[in-house]
């Protein structure tokens, strides 16, 4: 039993350990931090500018699980660094949510924080109160001006909540393919480096 516990402790300490990355010539330490609060569990990823480690330049959820036992929802993210840009890809799944998101942040050597320059997403977020909401028209075409207005209200509210552009139809399909490809690349890199 002690061997299994020691192995698990070693695995999680390695999994949650920090690593160094270079973004636009500037070194950052990337740290994973686990949390378990108020029924939500997950891992947060922090980027700290080096050599002096101070406030996080960028923080985002890497994984999150929330909801009751029979109504679990999941959020997973991965990232890709390209020069001074970091792309964060997210997918949501579970009892009351499905969707994809891509955000791009730009790191500035002179600024301590990363600035979000793009956020686009598709999210189908439902609950028991949605019988009178526009979310039902994401999957079913609107037939009346009132239904179209409900759909527009849903899109506006969700864009305000996530501070980005809501995608539909072919754009949403293309986003889902892009996010899935980013996750596939992330897995290939992770397993290829071991």
N, C-alpha and C. Protein backbone atom coordinates (compact mmCIF):
# COMPACT_ATOMS: atom_id res chain seq x y z
N UNK A 1 0.82 -1.19 0.00
CA UNK A 1 0.00 0.00 0.00
C UNK A 1 0.87 1.26 0.00
N UNK A 2 1.97 1.23 0.78
CA UNK A 2 2.87 2.37 0.82
C UNK A 2 3.51 2.60 -0.53
N UNK A 3 3.78 1.52 -1.26
CA UNK A 3 4.40 1.64 -2.58
C UNK A 3 3.45 2.34 -3.54
N UNK A 4 2.19 1.96 -3.52
CA UNK A 4 1.19 2.58 -4.40
C UNK A 4 1.04 4.05 -4.05
N UNK A 5 0.95 4.38 -2.76
CA UNK A 5 0.82 5.77 -2.33
C UNK A 5 2.04 6.57 -2.77
N UNK A 6 3.23 6.01 -2.60
CA UNK A 6 4.46 6.71 -3.00
C UNK A 6 4.48 6.94 -4.51
N UNK A 7 4.05 5.94 -5.28
CA UNK A 7 4.00 6.07 -6.73
C UNK A 7 3.03 7.18 -7.13
N UNK A 8 1.84 7.21 -6.53
CA UNK A 8 0.86 8.25 -6.84
C UNK A 8 1.38 9.63 -6.47
N UNK A 9 2.02 9.74 -5.33
CA UNK A 9 2.58 11.01 -4.90
C UNK A 9 3.66 11.48 -5.88
N UNK A 10 4.51 10.57 -6.31
CA UNK A 10 5.55 10.90 -7.27
C UNK A 10 4.94 11.32 -8.61
N UNK A 11 3.92 10.59 -9.06
CA UNK A 11 3.26 10.89 -10.33
C UNK A 11 2.67 12.30 -10.30
N UNK A 12 1.91 12.62 -9.24
CA UNK A 12 1.28 13.94 -9.16
C UNK A 12 2.29 15.06 -8.98
N UNK A 13 3.36 14.82 -8.26
CA UNK A 13 4.37 15.87 -8.10
C UNK A 13 5.08 16.14 -9.43
N UNK A 14 5.32 15.10 -10.22
CA UNK A 14 5.92 15.30 -11.54
C UNK A 14 4.92 15.95 -12.49
N UNK A 15 3.67 15.53 -12.40
CA UNK A 15 2.64 16.06 -13.28
C UNK A 15 2.39 17.53 -13.00
N UNK A 16 2.43 17.92 -11.75
CA UNK A 16 2.14 19.29 -11.38
C UNK A 16 3.40 20.15 -11.25
N UNK A 17 4.54 19.64 -11.70
CA UNK A 17 5.78 20.39 -11.57
C UNK A 17 5.84 21.52 -12.60
N UNK A 18 6.75 22.45 -12.36
CA UNK A 18 6.91 23.60 -13.23
C UNK A 18 7.85 23.28 -14.38
N UNK A 19 7.69 24.02 -15.46
CA UNK A 19 8.64 23.91 -16.56
C UNK A 19 8.87 25.31 -17.11
N UNK A 20 9.97 25.48 -17.82
CA UNK A 20 10.34 26.76 -18.36
C UNK A 20 10.04 26.78 -19.86
N UNK A 21 9.50 27.91 -20.34
CA UNK A 21 9.25 28.09 -21.76
C UNK A 21 9.76 29.47 -22.16
N UNK A 22 10.02 29.65 -23.44
CA UNK A 22 10.44 30.95 -23.96
C UNK A 22 9.35 31.45 -24.89
N UNK A 23 8.88 32.67 -24.62
CA UNK A 23 7.85 33.30 -25.44
C UNK A 23 8.40 34.63 -25.91
N UNK A 24 8.62 34.74 -27.21
CA UNK A 24 9.15 35.96 -27.82
C UNK A 24 10.45 36.40 -27.15
N UNK A 25 11.33 35.44 -26.87
CA UNK A 25 12.63 35.73 -26.29
C UNK A 25 12.64 35.93 -24.78
N UNK A 26 11.49 35.92 -24.14
CA UNK A 26 11.38 36.11 -22.69
C UNK A 26 11.10 34.76 -22.03
N UNK A 27 11.83 34.46 -20.94
CA UNK A 27 11.61 33.20 -20.23
C UNK A 27 10.42 33.32 -19.27
N UNK A 28 9.63 32.25 -19.24
CA UNK A 28 8.50 32.14 -18.32
C UNK A 28 8.56 30.78 -17.64
N UNK A 29 8.14 30.76 -16.42
CA UNK A 29 7.97 29.49 -15.72
C UNK A 29 6.49 29.15 -15.77
N UNK A 30 6.17 27.95 -16.20
CA UNK A 30 4.79 27.50 -16.30
C UNK A 30 4.54 26.54 -15.15
N UNK A 31 3.59 26.86 -14.30
CA UNK A 31 3.28 26.03 -13.13
C UNK A 31 1.83 25.57 -13.19
N UNK A 32 1.64 24.31 -12.83
CA UNK A 32 0.30 23.75 -12.70
C UNK A 32 -0.04 23.71 -11.22
N UNK A 33 -1.23 24.17 -10.90
CA UNK A 33 -1.67 24.21 -9.51
C UNK A 33 -3.05 23.55 -9.41
N UNK A 34 -3.14 22.49 -8.61
CA UNK A 34 -4.41 21.79 -8.43
C UNK A 34 -5.26 22.51 -7.39
N UNK A 35 -6.58 22.42 -7.56
CA UNK A 35 -7.49 22.98 -6.56
C UNK A 35 -8.71 22.06 -6.42
N UNK A 36 -9.35 22.15 -5.28
CA UNK A 36 -10.56 21.39 -4.97
C UNK A 36 -11.36 22.24 -3.99
N UNK A 37 -12.27 23.04 -4.53
CA UNK A 37 -13.03 23.97 -3.70
C UNK A 37 -14.49 23.99 -4.11
N UNK A 38 -15.36 24.01 -3.13
CA UNK A 38 -16.80 24.19 -3.34
C UNK A 38 -17.37 23.26 -4.41
N UNK A 39 -16.93 22.02 -4.42
CA UNK A 39 -17.46 21.04 -5.36
C UNK A 39 -16.83 21.10 -6.74
N UNK A 40 -15.87 21.98 -6.94
CA UNK A 40 -15.17 22.07 -8.21
C UNK A 40 -13.74 21.60 -8.02
N UNK A 41 -13.26 20.82 -8.98
CA UNK A 41 -11.88 20.34 -8.96
C UNK A 41 -11.25 20.69 -10.28
N UNK A 42 -9.94 20.96 -10.23
CA UNK A 42 -9.28 21.26 -11.47
C UNK A 42 -7.82 21.58 -11.31
N UNK A 43 -7.24 22.01 -12.42
CA UNK A 43 -5.84 22.41 -12.46
C UNK A 43 -5.77 23.75 -13.19
N UNK A 44 -5.08 24.70 -12.58
CA UNK A 44 -4.87 26.01 -13.17
C UNK A 44 -3.44 26.07 -13.67
N UNK A 45 -3.25 26.68 -14.81
CA UNK A 45 -1.92 26.86 -15.37
C UNK A 45 -1.54 28.33 -15.26
N UNK A 46 -0.38 28.62 -14.66
CA UNK A 46 0.12 29.98 -14.48
C UNK A 46 1.42 30.16 -15.25
N UNK A 47 1.55 31.31 -15.90
CA UNK A 47 2.79 31.69 -16.58
C UNK A 47 3.41 32.82 -15.76
N UNK A 48 4.62 32.59 -15.22
CA UNK A 48 5.34 33.59 -14.44
C UNK A 48 6.55 34.06 -15.22
N UNK A 49 6.68 35.36 -15.36
CA UNK A 49 7.82 35.95 -16.07
C UNK A 49 9.09 35.79 -15.23
N UNK A 50 10.17 35.39 -15.86
CA UNK A 50 11.45 35.21 -15.17
C UNK A 50 12.41 36.33 -15.57
N UNK A 51 13.47 36.62 -14.88
CA UNK A 51 14.05 35.85 -13.79
C UNK A 51 13.35 36.09 -12.46
N UNK A 52 12.71 37.22 -12.30
CA UNK A 52 12.06 37.51 -11.03
C UNK A 52 10.62 37.01 -11.11
N UNK A 53 10.31 35.98 -10.38
CA UNK A 53 8.98 35.39 -10.39
C UNK A 53 8.06 36.27 -9.54
N UNK A 54 7.12 36.92 -10.19
CA UNK A 54 6.19 37.79 -9.46
C UNK A 54 4.77 37.35 -9.77
N UNK A 55 3.90 38.27 -10.04
CA UNK A 55 2.51 37.94 -10.34
C UNK A 55 2.42 37.18 -11.67
N UNK A 56 1.42 36.35 -11.76
CA UNK A 56 1.20 35.57 -12.97
C UNK A 56 0.91 36.50 -14.15
N UNK A 57 1.58 36.26 -15.28
CA UNK A 57 1.33 37.03 -16.49
C UNK A 57 0.08 36.54 -17.21
N UNK A 58 -0.22 35.26 -17.03
CA UNK A 58 -1.39 34.66 -17.65
C UNK A 58 -1.78 33.45 -16.83
N UNK A 59 -3.07 33.30 -16.61
CA UNK A 59 -3.58 32.15 -15.87
C UNK A 59 -4.82 31.65 -16.59
N UNK A 60 -4.94 30.34 -16.75
CA UNK A 60 -6.16 29.77 -17.31
C UNK A 60 -6.38 28.37 -16.77
N UNK A 61 -7.63 27.92 -16.86
CA UNK A 61 -7.98 26.58 -16.40
C UNK A 61 -7.47 25.56 -17.39
N UNK A 62 -6.73 24.59 -16.88
CA UNK A 62 -6.28 23.48 -17.71
C UNK A 62 -7.33 22.38 -17.70
N UNK A 63 -7.86 22.09 -16.51
CA UNK A 63 -8.98 21.15 -16.39
C UNK A 63 -9.91 21.65 -15.29
N UNK A 64 -11.17 21.31 -15.41
CA UNK A 64 -12.14 21.64 -14.37
C UNK A 64 -13.29 20.64 -14.45
N UNK A 65 -13.72 20.19 -13.28
CA UNK A 65 -14.89 19.32 -13.16
C UNK A 65 -15.83 19.98 -12.16
N UNK A 66 -17.09 20.08 -12.52
CA UNK A 66 -18.06 20.70 -11.61
C UNK A 66 -19.44 20.08 -11.84
N UNK A 67 -20.29 20.25 -10.85
CA UNK A 67 -21.65 19.69 -10.90
C UNK A 67 -21.79 18.53 -9.94
N UNK A 68 -23.03 18.15 -9.69
CA UNK A 68 -23.29 17.04 -8.78
C UNK A 68 -22.91 15.72 -9.45
N UNK A 69 -22.94 14.66 -8.68
CA UNK A 69 -22.49 13.34 -9.17
C UNK A 69 -23.15 12.92 -10.48
N UNK A 70 -24.45 13.15 -10.59
CA UNK A 70 -25.16 12.70 -11.79
C UNK A 70 -25.20 13.76 -12.88
N UNK A 71 -24.68 14.95 -12.59
CA UNK A 71 -24.75 16.05 -13.55
C UNK A 71 -23.39 16.72 -13.73
N UNK A 72 -22.36 15.92 -13.93
CA UNK A 72 -20.99 16.44 -14.06
C UNK A 72 -20.78 17.16 -15.40
N UNK A 73 -20.00 18.23 -15.33
CA UNK A 73 -19.54 18.95 -16.51
C UNK A 73 -18.02 19.02 -16.47
N UNK A 74 -17.41 19.06 -17.64
CA UNK A 74 -15.95 19.03 -17.74
C UNK A 74 -15.47 20.14 -18.67
N UNK A 75 -14.34 20.72 -18.29
CA UNK A 75 -13.66 21.70 -19.13
C UNK A 75 -12.20 21.29 -19.20
N UNK A 76 -11.69 21.20 -20.42
CA UNK A 76 -10.28 20.84 -20.63
C UNK A 76 -9.66 21.85 -21.57
N UNK A 77 -8.40 22.20 -21.33
CA UNK A 77 -7.70 23.14 -22.20
C UNK A 77 -6.31 22.64 -22.51
N UNK A 78 -5.79 23.10 -23.60
CA UNK A 78 -4.41 22.89 -23.98
C UNK A 78 -3.91 24.18 -24.61
N UNK A 79 -2.61 24.30 -24.79
CA UNK A 79 -2.08 25.55 -25.33
C UNK A 79 -0.97 25.26 -26.32
N UNK A 80 -0.71 26.28 -27.15
CA UNK A 80 0.35 26.21 -28.14
C UNK A 80 1.04 27.57 -28.19
N UNK A 81 2.36 27.59 -28.13
CA UNK A 81 3.13 28.83 -28.14
C UNK A 81 3.72 29.01 -29.53
N UNK A 82 3.54 30.22 -30.08
CA UNK A 82 4.07 30.54 -31.40
C UNK A 82 4.60 31.98 -31.35
N UNK A 83 5.91 32.13 -31.15
CA UNK A 83 6.50 33.47 -31.05
C UNK A 83 6.03 34.18 -29.80
N UNK A 84 5.37 35.33 -29.99
CA UNK A 84 4.86 36.10 -28.86
C UNK A 84 3.39 35.77 -28.56
N UNK A 85 2.85 34.79 -29.27
CA UNK A 85 1.44 34.44 -29.11
C UNK A 85 1.29 33.10 -28.42
N UNK A 86 0.25 33.00 -27.61
CA UNK A 86 -0.11 31.71 -27.04
C UNK A 86 -1.59 31.49 -27.36
N UNK A 87 -1.86 30.35 -27.98
CA UNK A 87 -3.24 29.96 -28.30
C UNK A 87 -3.71 28.97 -27.25
N UNK A 88 -4.88 29.24 -26.71
CA UNK A 88 -5.46 28.35 -25.70
C UNK A 88 -6.72 27.75 -26.30
N UNK A 89 -6.76 26.42 -26.34
CA UNK A 89 -7.88 25.69 -26.91
C UNK A 89 -8.64 25.01 -25.77
N UNK A 90 -9.95 25.17 -25.76
CA UNK A 90 -10.78 24.61 -24.69
C UNK A 90 -11.92 23.82 -25.30
N UNK A 91 -12.26 22.72 -24.61
CA UNK A 91 -13.49 22.02 -24.96
C UNK A 91 -14.28 21.74 -23.69
N UNK A 92 -15.58 21.89 -23.82
CA UNK A 92 -16.50 21.64 -22.71
C UNK A 92 -17.36 20.44 -23.07
N UNK A 93 -17.67 19.63 -22.07
CA UNK A 93 -18.58 18.50 -22.28
C UNK A 93 -19.25 18.15 -20.97
N UNK A 94 -20.37 17.45 -21.06
CA UNK A 94 -21.02 16.99 -19.85
C UNK A 94 -22.52 17.09 -19.89
N UNK A 95 -23.08 17.13 -18.70
CA UNK A 95 -24.52 17.09 -18.52
C UNK A 95 -25.23 18.30 -19.14
N UNK A 96 -24.70 19.50 -18.93
CA UNK A 96 -25.43 20.70 -19.37
C UNK A 96 -24.61 21.63 -20.25
N UNK A 97 -23.53 21.11 -20.82
CA UNK A 97 -22.68 22.00 -21.63
C UNK A 97 -21.91 21.19 -22.67
N UNK A 98 -21.79 21.75 -23.86
CA UNK A 98 -20.94 21.21 -24.92
C UNK A 98 -20.40 22.40 -25.69
N UNK A 99 -19.15 22.34 -26.08
CA UNK A 99 -18.64 23.44 -26.88
C UNK A 99 -17.14 23.46 -27.01
N UNK A 100 -16.68 24.48 -27.75
CA UNK A 100 -15.26 24.66 -28.05
C UNK A 100 -14.93 26.16 -27.99
N UNK A 101 -13.66 26.44 -27.66
CA UNK A 101 -13.22 27.84 -27.63
C UNK A 101 -11.75 27.91 -28.02
N UNK A 102 -11.40 29.00 -28.70
CA UNK A 102 -10.00 29.32 -28.99
C UNK A 102 -9.78 30.76 -28.56
N UNK A 103 -8.74 30.96 -27.73
CA UNK A 103 -8.33 32.30 -27.33
C UNK A 103 -6.87 32.47 -27.71
N UNK A 104 -6.51 33.66 -28.12
CA UNK A 104 -5.12 33.98 -28.41
C UNK A 104 -4.70 35.16 -27.54
N UNK A 105 -3.58 34.98 -26.87
CA UNK A 105 -3.00 36.04 -26.04
C UNK A 105 -1.67 36.44 -26.65
N UNK A 106 -1.35 37.72 -26.55
CA UNK A 106 -0.07 38.24 -27.01
C UNK A 106 0.74 38.67 -25.79
N UNK A 107 1.97 38.19 -25.73
CA UNK A 107 2.89 38.58 -24.67
C UNK A 107 3.72 39.75 -25.17
N UNK A 108 3.89 40.73 -24.33
CA UNK A 108 4.68 41.91 -24.63
C UNK A 108 5.88 41.95 -23.69
N UNK A 109 7.08 42.08 -24.24
CA UNK A 109 8.28 42.09 -23.40
C UNK A 109 8.26 43.21 -22.37
N UNK A 110 7.65 44.34 -22.72
CA UNK A 110 7.64 45.49 -21.82
C UNK A 110 6.48 45.46 -20.83
N UNK A 111 5.52 44.61 -21.09
CA UNK A 111 4.34 44.56 -20.23
C UNK A 111 4.40 43.26 -19.42
N UNK A 112 3.90 43.30 -18.22
CA UNK A 112 3.96 42.11 -17.36
C UNK A 112 2.78 41.17 -17.59
N UNK A 113 1.76 41.62 -18.26
CA UNK A 113 0.57 40.80 -18.48
C UNK A 113 0.43 40.45 -19.95
N UNK A 114 -0.21 39.33 -20.21
CA UNK A 114 -0.55 38.95 -21.57
C UNK A 114 -1.89 39.60 -21.91
N UNK A 115 -2.06 39.99 -23.16
CA UNK A 115 -3.29 40.65 -23.60
C UNK A 115 -4.05 39.73 -24.55
N UNK A 116 -5.33 39.51 -24.25
CA UNK A 116 -6.14 38.68 -25.14
C UNK A 116 -6.48 39.47 -26.40
N UNK A 117 -6.17 38.87 -27.55
CA UNK A 117 -6.44 39.55 -28.81
C UNK A 117 -7.52 38.84 -29.63
N UNK A 118 -7.90 37.62 -29.22
CA UNK A 118 -8.95 36.89 -29.94
C UNK A 118 -9.64 35.92 -29.00
N UNK A 119 -10.94 35.84 -29.12
CA UNK A 119 -11.71 34.81 -28.44
C UNK A 119 -12.90 34.47 -29.32
N UNK A 120 -12.95 33.23 -29.74
CA UNK A 120 -14.09 32.75 -30.53
C UNK A 120 -14.49 31.40 -29.98
N UNK A 121 -15.80 31.13 -30.00
CA UNK A 121 -16.28 29.93 -29.35
C UNK A 121 -17.65 29.52 -29.88
N UNK A 122 -17.97 28.27 -29.63
CA UNK A 122 -19.34 27.75 -29.78
C UNK A 122 -19.64 27.04 -28.48
N UNK A 123 -20.75 27.38 -27.87
CA UNK A 123 -21.12 26.72 -26.62
C UNK A 123 -22.63 26.51 -26.59
N UNK A 124 -22.99 25.29 -26.27
CA UNK A 124 -24.40 24.91 -26.10
C UNK A 124 -24.57 24.63 -24.62
N UNK A 125 -25.06 25.61 -23.90
CA UNK A 125 -25.19 25.54 -22.45
C UNK A 125 -26.66 25.45 -22.08
N UNK A 126 -27.09 24.31 -21.54
CA UNK A 126 -28.52 24.10 -21.30
C UNK A 126 -28.80 23.77 -19.84
N UNK A 127 -30.03 24.04 -19.44
CA UNK A 127 -30.52 23.61 -18.13
C UNK A 127 -32.03 23.49 -18.19
N UNK A 128 -32.64 23.18 -17.07
CA UNK A 128 -34.08 22.93 -17.05
C UNK A 128 -34.91 24.16 -17.41
N UNK A 129 -34.37 25.35 -17.24
CA UNK A 129 -35.11 26.59 -17.51
C UNK A 129 -35.03 27.01 -18.97
N UNK A 130 -34.41 26.22 -19.83
CA UNK A 130 -34.16 26.63 -21.21
C UNK A 130 -35.34 26.45 -22.16
N UNK A 131 -36.49 26.03 -21.65
CA UNK A 131 -37.66 25.85 -22.53
C UNK A 131 -38.10 27.19 -23.13
N UNK A 132 -37.78 28.28 -22.45
CA UNK A 132 -38.14 29.61 -22.94
C UNK A 132 -36.90 30.41 -23.32
N UNK A 133 -35.83 29.72 -23.67
CA UNK A 133 -34.57 30.38 -23.99
C UNK A 133 -34.20 30.11 -25.44
N UNK A 134 -33.34 30.98 -25.98
CA UNK A 134 -32.90 30.83 -27.36
C UNK A 134 -31.93 29.69 -27.59
N UNK A 135 -31.38 29.10 -26.52
CA UNK A 135 -30.42 28.01 -26.69
C UNK A 135 -31.04 26.83 -27.43
N UNK A 136 -32.33 26.63 -27.29
CA UNK A 136 -32.99 25.51 -27.98
C UNK A 136 -32.93 25.66 -29.50
N UNK A 137 -32.70 26.87 -29.99
CA UNK A 137 -32.66 27.10 -31.44
C UNK A 137 -31.26 26.96 -32.04
N UNK A 138 -30.30 26.57 -31.21
CA UNK A 138 -28.98 26.26 -31.77
C UNK A 138 -29.06 24.99 -32.60
N UNK A 139 -29.89 24.05 -32.17
CA UNK A 139 -30.04 22.77 -32.86
C UNK A 139 -31.29 22.71 -33.75
N UNK A 140 -32.28 23.56 -33.46
CA UNK A 140 -33.53 23.57 -34.21
C UNK A 140 -33.71 24.95 -34.83
N UNK A 141 -33.99 25.00 -36.12
CA UNK A 141 -34.13 26.27 -36.82
C UNK A 141 -35.29 27.08 -36.24
N UNK A 142 -35.09 28.39 -36.19
CA UNK A 142 -36.16 29.28 -35.74
C UNK A 142 -37.24 29.34 -36.82
N UNK A 143 -38.49 29.50 -36.38
CA UNK A 143 -39.61 29.54 -37.31
C UNK A 143 -40.36 30.87 -37.26
N UNK A 144 -40.17 31.62 -36.19
CA UNK A 144 -40.89 32.88 -36.02
C UNK A 144 -39.89 33.98 -35.65
N UNK A 145 -40.27 35.22 -35.83
CA UNK A 145 -39.40 36.33 -35.39
C UNK A 145 -39.12 36.30 -33.88
N UNK A 146 -40.07 35.83 -33.08
CA UNK A 146 -39.87 35.74 -31.64
C UNK A 146 -38.79 34.70 -31.30
N UNK A 147 -38.82 33.57 -32.00
CA UNK A 147 -37.80 32.55 -31.79
C UNK A 147 -36.41 33.07 -32.19
N UNK A 148 -36.35 33.81 -33.31
CA UNK A 148 -35.08 34.39 -33.75
C UNK A 148 -34.58 35.40 -32.72
N UNK A 149 -35.48 36.16 -32.14
CA UNK A 149 -35.10 37.13 -31.12
C UNK A 149 -34.56 36.42 -29.87
N UNK A 150 -35.20 35.31 -29.48
CA UNK A 150 -34.69 34.54 -28.34
C UNK A 150 -33.29 34.00 -28.62
N UNK A 151 -33.07 33.50 -29.83
CA UNK A 151 -31.74 33.01 -30.21
C UNK A 151 -30.72 34.14 -30.17
N UNK A 152 -31.07 35.29 -30.72
CA UNK A 152 -30.16 36.44 -30.71
C UNK A 152 -29.84 36.88 -29.29
N UNK A 153 -30.83 36.85 -28.40
CA UNK A 153 -30.61 37.21 -26.99
C UNK A 153 -29.65 36.22 -26.33
N UNK A 154 -29.83 34.93 -26.62
CA UNK A 154 -28.91 33.92 -26.06
C UNK A 154 -27.48 34.18 -26.54
N UNK A 155 -27.32 34.40 -27.84
CA UNK A 155 -25.99 34.63 -28.40
C UNK A 155 -25.36 35.88 -27.78
N UNK A 156 -26.14 36.95 -27.67
CA UNK A 156 -25.62 38.18 -27.08
C UNK A 156 -25.19 37.96 -25.63
N UNK A 157 -26.01 37.25 -24.85
CA UNK A 157 -25.68 37.04 -23.44
C UNK A 157 -24.43 36.16 -23.28
N UNK A 158 -24.29 35.15 -24.12
CA UNK A 158 -23.15 34.25 -24.02
C UNK A 158 -21.88 34.93 -24.52
N UNK A 159 -22.00 35.82 -25.53
CA UNK A 159 -20.83 36.58 -25.98
C UNK A 159 -20.37 37.54 -24.89
N UNK A 160 -21.30 38.12 -24.19
CA UNK A 160 -20.97 39.02 -23.09
C UNK A 160 -20.30 38.25 -21.94
N UNK A 161 -20.81 37.06 -21.63
CA UNK A 161 -20.27 36.25 -20.55
C UNK A 161 -18.83 35.80 -20.85
N UNK A 162 -18.59 35.33 -22.07
CA UNK A 162 -17.28 34.80 -22.44
C UNK A 162 -16.38 35.82 -23.14
N UNK A 163 -16.89 37.03 -23.35
CA UNK A 163 -16.11 38.13 -23.94
C UNK A 163 -15.46 37.70 -25.24
N UNK A 164 -16.30 37.22 -26.16
CA UNK A 164 -15.77 36.77 -27.43
C UNK A 164 -16.85 36.69 -28.49
N UNK A 165 -16.50 36.12 -29.62
CA UNK A 165 -17.39 35.98 -30.77
C UNK A 165 -17.97 34.58 -30.81
N UNK A 166 -19.29 34.48 -30.77
CA UNK A 166 -20.00 33.20 -30.86
C UNK A 166 -20.06 32.77 -32.32
N UNK A 167 -19.63 31.55 -32.61
CA UNK A 167 -19.64 31.03 -33.97
C UNK A 167 -20.80 30.06 -34.17
N UNK A 168 -21.30 30.03 -35.39
CA UNK A 168 -22.39 29.11 -35.73
C UNK A 168 -22.07 28.41 -37.04
N UNK A 169 -22.85 27.37 -37.32
CA UNK A 169 -22.81 26.66 -38.59
C UNK A 169 -21.39 26.20 -38.95
N UNK A 170 -20.94 26.51 -40.19
CA UNK A 170 -19.64 26.02 -40.66
C UNK A 170 -18.49 26.55 -39.82
N UNK A 171 -18.60 27.80 -39.35
CA UNK A 171 -17.53 28.36 -38.50
C UNK A 171 -17.38 27.55 -37.21
N UNK A 172 -18.50 27.15 -36.63
CA UNK A 172 -18.46 26.35 -35.39
C UNK A 172 -17.87 24.97 -35.67
N UNK A 173 -18.22 24.37 -36.79
CA UNK A 173 -17.67 23.06 -37.16
C UNK A 173 -16.16 23.17 -37.36
N UNK A 174 -15.71 24.22 -38.06
CA UNK A 174 -14.27 24.42 -38.29
C UNK A 174 -13.53 24.64 -36.98
N UNK A 175 -14.14 25.38 -36.05
CA UNK A 175 -13.53 25.59 -34.74
C UNK A 175 -13.38 24.27 -33.99
N UNK A 176 -14.43 23.44 -34.03
CA UNK A 176 -14.34 22.15 -33.33
C UNK A 176 -13.21 21.30 -33.90
N UNK A 177 -13.03 21.32 -35.20
CA UNK A 177 -11.94 20.56 -35.83
C UNK A 177 -10.58 21.12 -35.41
N UNK A 178 -10.46 22.44 -35.35
CA UNK A 178 -9.21 23.08 -34.96
C UNK A 178 -8.85 22.75 -33.51
N UNK A 179 -9.85 22.79 -32.62
CA UNK A 179 -9.61 22.47 -31.21
C UNK A 179 -9.24 21.00 -31.05
N UNK A 180 -9.96 20.11 -31.70
CA UNK A 180 -9.63 18.68 -31.62
C UNK A 180 -8.23 18.41 -32.16
N UNK A 181 -7.84 19.09 -33.23
CA UNK A 181 -6.49 18.92 -33.78
C UNK A 181 -5.43 19.41 -32.78
N UNK A 182 -5.71 20.50 -32.08
CA UNK A 182 -4.77 21.01 -31.06
C UNK A 182 -4.62 20.02 -29.92
N UNK A 183 -5.73 19.40 -29.49
CA UNK A 183 -5.66 18.38 -28.44
C UNK A 183 -4.89 17.16 -28.91
N UNK A 184 -5.10 16.76 -30.14
CA UNK A 184 -4.39 15.61 -30.70
C UNK A 184 -2.88 15.89 -30.75
N UNK A 185 -2.51 17.09 -31.20
CA UNK A 185 -1.10 17.48 -31.25
C UNK A 185 -0.49 17.51 -29.85
N UNK A 186 -1.25 18.02 -28.88
CA UNK A 186 -0.78 18.07 -27.50
C UNK A 186 -0.51 16.68 -26.94
N UNK A 187 -1.41 15.75 -27.23
CA UNK A 187 -1.22 14.37 -26.77
C UNK A 187 -0.02 13.72 -27.45
N UNK A 188 0.13 13.96 -28.74
CA UNK A 188 1.28 13.40 -29.46
C UNK A 188 2.59 13.94 -28.89
N UNK A 189 2.63 15.25 -28.58
CA UNK A 189 3.83 15.85 -28.00
C UNK A 189 4.10 15.28 -26.61
N UNK A 190 3.05 15.12 -25.83
CA UNK A 190 3.22 14.61 -24.45
C UNK A 190 3.74 13.19 -24.48
N UNK A 191 3.15 12.32 -25.27
CA UNK A 191 3.56 10.92 -25.29
C UNK A 191 4.84 10.72 -26.07
N UNK A 192 5.11 11.60 -27.05
CA UNK A 192 6.35 11.50 -27.81
C UNK A 192 7.58 11.90 -27.01
N UNK A 193 7.37 12.70 -25.95
CA UNK A 193 8.49 13.19 -25.14
C UNK A 193 8.79 12.28 -23.96
N UNK A 194 8.12 11.15 -23.85
CA UNK A 194 8.35 10.28 -22.70
C UNK A 194 9.09 9.03 -23.10
